Amino acid sequence: MLFWAPFLAGIGLGGVTVALIAIGGVMRQRGTWATTMVAIA
């Protein structure tokens, strides 16, 4: 279980980040996807 905890936390936080960006309307700006993927990684 110790191995899966950070993996699941990363997936969850990444999903929350993308959802908040989509809700906030930031997706229309240039470079948003690239910046988001770098931040999540």
N, C-alpha and C. Protein backbone atom coordinates (compact mmCIF):
# COMPACT_ATOMS: atom_id res chain seq x y z
N MET A 1 0.82 -1.21 0.00
CA MET A 1 0.00 0.00 0.00
C MET A 1 0.86 1.26 0.00
N LEU A 2 2.05 1.20 0.60
CA LEU A 2 2.89 2.39 0.63
C LEU A 2 3.30 2.82 -0.76
N PHE A 3 3.45 1.87 -1.68
CA PHE A 3 3.84 2.21 -3.04
C PHE A 3 2.73 2.96 -3.77
N TRP A 4 1.50 2.60 -3.54
CA TRP A 4 0.37 3.15 -4.27
C TRP A 4 -0.08 4.52 -3.77
N ALA A 5 0.20 4.86 -2.53
CA ALA A 5 -0.30 6.12 -1.96
C ALA A 5 0.18 7.35 -2.74
N PRO A 6 1.48 7.51 -3.00
CA PRO A 6 1.91 8.70 -3.76
C PRO A 6 1.40 8.68 -5.20
N PHE A 7 1.31 7.49 -5.78
CA PHE A 7 0.81 7.35 -7.15
C PHE A 7 -0.64 7.82 -7.24
N LEU A 8 -1.46 7.37 -6.34
CA LEU A 8 -2.87 7.75 -6.33
C LEU A 8 -3.05 9.22 -5.97
N ALA A 9 -2.22 9.72 -5.07
CA ALA A 9 -2.30 11.14 -4.71
C ALA A 9 -1.94 12.02 -5.91
N GLY A 10 -0.94 11.62 -6.67
CA GLY A 10 -0.55 12.37 -7.85
C GLY A 10 -1.64 12.39 -8.90
N ILE A 11 -2.26 11.25 -9.12
CA ILE A 11 -3.36 11.19 -10.09
C ILE A 11 -4.52 12.06 -9.62
N GLY A 12 -4.84 11.97 -8.34
CA GLY A 12 -5.95 12.76 -7.81
C GLY A 12 -5.69 14.26 -7.88
N LEU A 13 -4.51 14.68 -7.47
CA LEU A 13 -4.20 16.11 -7.50
C LEU A 13 -4.08 16.63 -8.92
N GLY A 14 -3.55 15.80 -9.82
CA GLY A 14 -3.49 16.20 -11.23
C GLY A 14 -4.87 16.38 -11.81
N GLY A 15 -5.77 15.47 -11.49
CA GLY A 15 -7.14 15.59 -11.97
C GLY A 15 -7.84 16.82 -11.42
N VAL A 16 -7.62 17.10 -10.16
CA VAL A 16 -8.21 18.30 -9.55
C VAL A 16 -7.65 19.56 -10.22
N THR A 17 -6.36 19.57 -10.50
CA THR A 17 -5.73 20.72 -11.15
C THR A 17 -6.34 20.97 -12.52
N VAL A 18 -6.45 19.93 -13.32
CA VAL A 18 -7.03 20.07 -14.66
C VAL A 18 -8.49 20.50 -14.57
N ALA A 19 -9.23 19.95 -13.61
CA ALA A 19 -10.64 20.32 -13.46
C ALA A 19 -10.79 21.79 -13.08
N LEU A 20 -9.98 22.27 -12.16
CA LEU A 20 -10.06 23.67 -11.75
C LEU A 20 -9.68 24.62 -12.88
N ILE A 21 -8.69 24.22 -13.67
CA ILE A 21 -8.30 25.05 -14.81
C ILE A 21 -9.43 25.10 -15.83
N ALA A 22 -10.07 23.96 -16.07
CA ALA A 22 -11.17 23.93 -17.03
C ALA A 22 -12.36 24.75 -16.54
N ILE A 23 -12.66 24.65 -15.26
CA ILE A 23 -13.79 25.41 -14.69
C ILE A 23 -13.49 26.91 -14.72
N GLY A 24 -12.23 27.26 -14.47
CA GLY A 24 -11.85 28.68 -14.43
C GLY A 24 -11.76 29.32 -15.80
N GLY A 25 -11.82 28.54 -16.87
CA GLY A 25 -11.78 29.12 -18.21
C GLY A 25 -10.39 29.46 -18.69
N VAL A 26 -9.38 28.92 -18.08
CA VAL A 26 -8.00 29.24 -18.45
C VAL A 26 -7.56 28.44 -19.67
N MET A 27 -8.30 27.40 -20.03
CA MET A 27 -7.90 26.51 -21.12
C MET A 27 -7.80 27.23 -22.46
N ARG A 28 -8.44 28.37 -22.61
CA ARG A 28 -8.42 29.07 -23.89
C ARG A 28 -7.11 29.83 -24.12
N GLN A 29 -6.31 30.01 -23.08
CA GLN A 29 -5.06 30.74 -23.24
C GLN A 29 -3.99 29.85 -23.86
N ARG A 30 -3.08 30.47 -24.59
CA ARG A 30 -2.00 29.71 -25.24
C ARG A 30 -1.04 29.18 -24.19
N GLY A 31 -0.61 27.94 -24.37
CA GLY A 31 0.40 27.36 -23.51
C GLY A 31 -0.13 26.77 -22.22
N THR A 32 -1.42 26.82 -22.01
CA THR A 32 -1.97 26.31 -20.75
C THR A 32 -1.74 24.82 -20.60
N TRP A 33 -1.98 24.04 -21.68
CA TRP A 33 -1.83 22.59 -21.58
C TRP A 33 -0.38 22.22 -21.29
N ALA A 34 0.56 22.85 -21.98
CA ALA A 34 1.97 22.53 -21.78
C ALA A 34 2.40 22.88 -20.36
N THR A 35 2.02 24.03 -19.88
CA THR A 35 2.39 24.45 -18.53
C THR A 35 1.77 23.53 -17.49
N THR A 36 0.53 23.14 -17.69
CA THR A 36 -0.15 22.26 -16.74
C THR A 36 0.51 20.90 -16.69
N MET A 37 0.84 20.34 -17.84
CA MET A 37 1.46 19.02 -17.87
C MET A 37 2.85 19.03 -17.23
N VAL A 38 3.60 20.11 -17.42
CA VAL A 38 4.91 20.23 -16.78
C VAL A 38 4.74 20.35 -15.27
N ALA A 39 3.76 21.12 -14.83
CA ALA A 39 3.55 21.29 -13.39
C ALA A 39 3.11 19.99 -12.74
N ILE A 40 2.26 19.22 -13.41
CA ILE A 40 1.81 17.96 -12.86
C ILE A 40 2.95 16.95 -12.80
N ALA A 41 3.75 16.92 -13.85
CA ALA A 41 4.87 15.97 -13.90
C ALA A 41 5.87 16.28 -12.83
